[in-house]
Amino acid sequence: MAMEVECREGYYAVLGQWHPDKWNATPSLVDMAKHKFQQIQEAYSVLSDRTKRTLYDASLFDEEDEGFSDFVQEMMSLVDDVREEEKIT
């Protein structure tokens, strides 16, 4: 329970200065903060997904081309299946 409370309190610290709510008092910076926050969300979305992260690390990630991502995911799955079969035999 203590860790859960600690994590909730730490979310704003993790997001740092770019959380849009922090900039409501400074309207000229709200758009920049929203943009940075969206970049943080996009980065998390890519880096927390194994397939997307692999593509990104190989400079092959294209968020516009989900079909390629699906293809690579299927290929990775097939490679994993072959590795498992090799372990069995």
N, C-alpha and C. Protein backbone atom coordinates (compact mmCIF):
# COMPACT_ATOMS: atom_id res chain seq x y z
N MET A 1 0.83 -1.19 0.00
CA MET A 1 0.00 0.00 0.00
C MET A 1 0.87 1.25 0.00
N ALA A 2 1.95 1.26 0.77
CA ALA A 2 2.83 2.44 0.82
C ALA A 2 3.45 2.70 -0.54
N MET A 3 3.81 1.64 -1.26
CA MET A 3 4.41 1.81 -2.58
C MET A 3 3.39 2.39 -3.55
N GLU A 4 2.13 1.96 -3.43
CA GLU A 4 1.08 2.48 -4.30
C GLU A 4 0.91 3.99 -4.10
N VAL A 5 0.88 4.43 -2.86
CA VAL A 5 0.75 5.86 -2.56
C VAL A 5 1.97 6.60 -3.06
N GLU A 6 3.15 6.02 -2.85
CA GLU A 6 4.39 6.64 -3.30
C GLU A 6 4.40 6.82 -4.80
N CYS A 7 3.93 5.80 -5.55
CA CYS A 7 3.89 5.88 -7.00
C CYS A 7 2.93 6.97 -7.46
N ARG A 8 1.73 7.03 -6.85
CA ARG A 8 0.77 8.04 -7.25
C ARG A 8 1.32 9.44 -7.04
N GLU A 9 2.00 9.65 -5.93
CA GLU A 9 2.58 10.97 -5.66
C GLU A 9 3.74 11.26 -6.59
N GLY A 10 4.39 10.22 -7.07
CA GLY A 10 5.56 10.41 -7.91
C GLY A 10 5.27 10.60 -9.39
N TYR A 11 4.04 10.40 -9.82
CA TYR A 11 3.73 10.53 -11.23
C TYR A 11 4.02 11.93 -11.76
N TYR A 12 3.64 12.94 -10.99
CA TYR A 12 3.91 14.31 -11.44
C TYR A 12 5.41 14.58 -11.48
N ALA A 13 6.13 13.99 -10.55
CA ALA A 13 7.58 14.16 -10.55
C ALA A 13 8.20 13.49 -11.77
N VAL A 14 7.66 12.32 -12.12
CA VAL A 14 8.17 11.61 -13.30
C VAL A 14 7.92 12.44 -14.56
N LEU A 15 6.74 12.99 -14.65
CA LEU A 15 6.40 13.80 -15.83
C LEU A 15 7.12 15.14 -15.80
N GLY A 16 7.58 15.51 -14.66
CA GLY A 16 8.36 16.73 -14.54
C GLY A 16 7.58 17.98 -14.89
N GLN A 17 8.26 18.90 -15.47
CA GLN A 17 7.67 20.22 -15.70
C GLN A 17 6.69 20.26 -16.86
N TRP A 18 6.48 19.17 -17.58
CA TRP A 18 5.67 19.24 -18.79
C TRP A 18 4.21 18.87 -18.61
N HIS A 19 3.77 18.54 -17.42
CA HIS A 19 2.37 18.23 -17.23
C HIS A 19 1.54 19.48 -17.50
N PRO A 20 0.57 19.41 -18.42
CA PRO A 20 -0.19 20.60 -18.82
C PRO A 20 -0.88 21.33 -17.67
N ASP A 21 -1.34 20.59 -16.66
CA ASP A 21 -2.00 21.26 -15.53
C ASP A 21 -1.10 22.25 -14.83
N LYS A 22 0.18 22.02 -14.88
CA LYS A 22 1.13 22.90 -14.20
C LYS A 22 1.21 24.27 -14.89
N TRP A 23 0.84 24.32 -16.15
CA TRP A 23 1.00 25.55 -16.93
C TRP A 23 -0.29 26.34 -17.13
N ASN A 24 -1.37 25.95 -16.48
CA ASN A 24 -2.63 26.67 -16.64
C ASN A 24 -2.52 28.14 -16.28
N ALA A 25 -1.66 28.48 -15.36
CA ALA A 25 -1.49 29.87 -14.94
C ALA A 25 -0.67 30.67 -15.95
N THR A 26 -0.02 29.98 -16.88
CA THR A 26 0.81 30.66 -17.88
C THR A 26 0.32 30.26 -19.27
N PRO A 27 -0.73 30.90 -19.75
CA PRO A 27 -1.36 30.50 -21.02
C PRO A 27 -0.40 30.46 -22.21
N SER A 28 0.60 31.29 -22.23
CA SER A 28 1.52 31.30 -23.36
C SER A 28 2.34 30.02 -23.45
N LEU A 29 2.43 29.29 -22.36
CA LEU A 29 3.23 28.05 -22.37
C LEU A 29 2.39 26.78 -22.37
N VAL A 30 1.07 26.92 -22.29
CA VAL A 30 0.20 25.74 -22.23
C VAL A 30 0.35 24.88 -23.48
N ASP A 31 0.36 25.49 -24.66
CA ASP A 31 0.48 24.71 -25.90
C ASP A 31 1.80 23.94 -25.96
N MET A 32 2.88 24.58 -25.54
CA MET A 32 4.18 23.89 -25.54
C MET A 32 4.15 22.73 -24.55
N ALA A 33 3.57 22.94 -23.37
CA ALA A 33 3.49 21.88 -22.37
C ALA A 33 2.63 20.72 -22.88
N LYS A 34 1.51 21.03 -23.53
CA LYS A 34 0.67 19.97 -24.09
C LYS A 34 1.42 19.17 -25.15
N HIS A 35 2.17 19.86 -25.99
CA HIS A 35 2.95 19.18 -27.03
C HIS A 35 3.99 18.26 -26.41
N LYS A 36 4.71 18.76 -25.41
CA LYS A 36 5.74 17.94 -24.74
C LYS A 36 5.10 16.74 -24.06
N PHE A 37 3.94 16.96 -23.42
CA PHE A 37 3.25 15.89 -22.74
C PHE A 37 2.81 14.82 -23.74
N GLN A 38 2.33 15.23 -24.91
CA GLN A 38 1.96 14.28 -25.96
C GLN A 38 3.17 13.49 -26.44
N GLN A 39 4.32 14.15 -26.51
CA GLN A 39 5.55 13.45 -26.90
C GLN A 39 5.91 12.40 -25.86
N ILE A 40 5.73 12.74 -24.58
CA ILE A 40 6.00 11.78 -23.51
C ILE A 40 5.07 10.58 -23.63
N GLN A 41 3.78 10.83 -23.88
CA GLN A 41 2.82 9.75 -24.03
C GLN A 41 3.16 8.87 -25.23
N GLU A 42 3.54 9.48 -26.34
CA GLU A 42 3.90 8.72 -27.53
C GLU A 42 5.15 7.87 -27.28
N ALA A 43 6.13 8.46 -26.62
CA ALA A 43 7.36 7.72 -26.32
C ALA A 43 7.04 6.51 -25.44
N TYR A 44 6.20 6.70 -24.44
CA TYR A 44 5.82 5.58 -23.58
C TYR A 44 5.09 4.50 -24.37
N SER A 45 4.18 4.93 -25.24
CA SER A 45 3.42 3.99 -26.05
C SER A 45 4.33 3.12 -26.90
N VAL A 46 5.35 3.71 -27.48
CA VAL A 46 6.27 2.96 -28.34
C VAL A 46 7.22 2.11 -27.52
N LEU A 47 7.83 2.70 -26.51
CA LEU A 47 8.87 1.99 -25.77
C LEU A 47 8.33 0.93 -24.82
N SER A 48 7.05 0.98 -24.49
CA SER A 48 6.47 -0.03 -23.60
C SER A 48 5.93 -1.24 -24.37
N ASP A 49 5.92 -1.15 -25.69
CA ASP A 49 5.46 -2.25 -26.55
C ASP A 49 6.69 -2.92 -27.16
N ARG A 50 6.85 -4.21 -26.90
CA ARG A 50 8.07 -4.92 -27.33
C ARG A 50 8.34 -4.79 -28.82
N THR A 51 7.30 -5.00 -29.63
CA THR A 51 7.48 -4.95 -31.08
C THR A 51 7.81 -3.54 -31.55
N LYS A 52 7.05 -2.57 -31.08
CA LYS A 52 7.30 -1.18 -31.48
C LYS A 52 8.69 -0.73 -31.04
N ARG A 53 9.09 -1.13 -29.81
CA ARG A 53 10.40 -0.74 -29.31
C ARG A 53 11.52 -1.35 -30.16
N THR A 54 11.34 -2.62 -30.56
CA THR A 54 12.34 -3.27 -31.40
C THR A 54 12.47 -2.55 -32.74
N LEU A 55 11.33 -2.21 -33.33
CA LEU A 55 11.36 -1.47 -34.59
C LEU A 55 11.99 -0.09 -34.41
N TYR A 56 11.64 0.59 -33.33
CA TYR A 56 12.19 1.92 -33.06
C TYR A 56 13.71 1.85 -32.89
N ASP A 57 14.16 0.86 -32.11
CA ASP A 57 15.60 0.72 -31.87
C ASP A 57 16.37 0.41 -33.15
N ALA A 58 15.69 -0.23 -34.10
CA ALA A 58 16.32 -0.55 -35.39
C ALA A 58 16.07 0.55 -36.43
N SER A 59 15.50 1.66 -35.98
CA SER A 59 15.17 2.80 -36.87
C SER A 59 14.20 2.40 -37.98
N LEU A 60 13.29 1.47 -37.66
CA LEU A 60 12.31 1.00 -38.64
C LEU A 60 10.88 1.36 -38.25
N PHE A 61 10.69 1.98 -37.10
CA PHE A 61 9.33 2.26 -36.62
C PHE A 61 8.71 3.40 -37.41
N ASP A 62 7.48 3.15 -37.86
CA ASP A 62 6.71 4.17 -38.55
C ASP A 62 5.29 4.08 -38.02
N GLU A 63 4.90 5.02 -37.17
CA GLU A 63 3.58 4.93 -36.54
C GLU A 63 2.45 4.99 -37.55
N GLU A 64 2.73 5.48 -38.73
CA GLU A 64 1.71 5.55 -39.79
C GLU A 64 1.49 4.20 -40.44
N ASP A 65 2.48 3.30 -40.36
CA ASP A 65 2.41 2.01 -41.06
C ASP A 65 2.24 0.87 -40.05
N GLU A 66 1.02 0.71 -39.55
CA GLU A 66 0.74 -0.36 -38.59
C GLU A 66 0.88 -1.74 -39.24
N GLY A 67 0.64 -1.85 -40.56
CA GLY A 67 0.76 -3.13 -41.24
C GLY A 67 2.16 -3.69 -41.14
N PHE A 68 3.17 -2.83 -41.27
CA PHE A 68 4.55 -3.29 -41.15
C PHE A 68 4.83 -3.77 -39.74
N SER A 69 4.30 -3.06 -38.76
CA SER A 69 4.47 -3.46 -37.37
C SER A 69 3.84 -4.83 -37.12
N ASP A 70 2.65 -5.04 -37.68
CA ASP A 70 1.99 -6.35 -37.55
C ASP A 70 2.81 -7.45 -38.21
N PHE A 71 3.38 -7.15 -39.38
CA PHE A 71 4.22 -8.12 -40.09
C PHE A 71 5.43 -8.51 -39.24
N VAL A 72 6.11 -7.50 -38.69
CA VAL A 72 7.29 -7.78 -37.87
C VAL A 72 6.92 -8.56 -36.62
N GLN A 73 5.78 -8.22 -36.03
CA GLN A 73 5.34 -8.96 -34.84
C GLN A 73 5.10 -10.43 -35.18
N GLU A 74 4.47 -10.68 -36.32
CA GLU A 74 4.24 -12.06 -36.75
C GLU A 74 5.57 -12.78 -37.00
N MET A 75 6.51 -12.10 -37.62
CA MET A 75 7.83 -12.70 -37.87
C MET A 75 8.54 -13.02 -36.56
N MET A 76 8.46 -12.11 -35.60
CA MET A 76 9.09 -12.34 -34.29
C MET A 76 8.45 -13.54 -33.60
N SER A 77 7.14 -13.67 -33.74
CA SER A 77 6.43 -14.80 -33.16
C SER A 77 6.89 -16.11 -33.79
N LEU A 78 7.04 -16.11 -35.11
CA LEU A 78 7.51 -17.31 -35.81
C LEU A 78 8.93 -17.68 -35.39
N VAL A 79 9.79 -16.69 -35.25
CA VAL A 79 11.16 -16.94 -34.80
C VAL A 79 11.16 -17.54 -33.40
N ASP A 80 10.32 -17.00 -32.51
CA ASP A 80 10.22 -17.54 -31.16
C ASP A 80 9.74 -18.99 -31.19
N ASP A 81 8.78 -19.30 -32.08
CA ASP A 81 8.28 -20.67 -32.20
C ASP A 81 9.39 -21.62 -32.64
N VAL A 82 10.19 -21.19 -33.62
CA VAL A 82 11.29 -22.02 -34.11
C VAL A 82 12.31 -22.25 -32.99
N ARG A 83 12.61 -21.22 -32.24
CA ARG A 83 13.56 -21.37 -31.13
C ARG A 83 13.06 -22.38 -30.10
N GLU A 84 11.75 -22.31 -29.79
CA GLU A 84 11.17 -23.23 -28.83
C GLU A 84 11.23 -24.67 -29.37
N GLU A 85 10.97 -24.86 -30.67
CA GLU A 85 11.04 -26.19 -31.26
C GLU A 85 12.47 -26.72 -31.22
N GLU A 86 13.45 -25.84 -31.43
CA GLU A 86 14.85 -26.27 -31.39
C GLU A 86 15.24 -26.71 -29.99
N LYS A 87 14.69 -26.07 -28.97
CA LYS A 87 14.99 -26.45 -27.59
C LYS A 87 14.43 -27.83 -27.27
N ILE A 88 13.27 -28.14 -27.85
CA ILE A 88 12.61 -29.42 -27.58
C ILE A 88 13.35 -30.58 -28.25
N THR A 89 13.85 -30.36 -29.47
CA THR A 89 14.49 -31.45 -30.21
C THR A 89 15.95 -31.55 -29.93
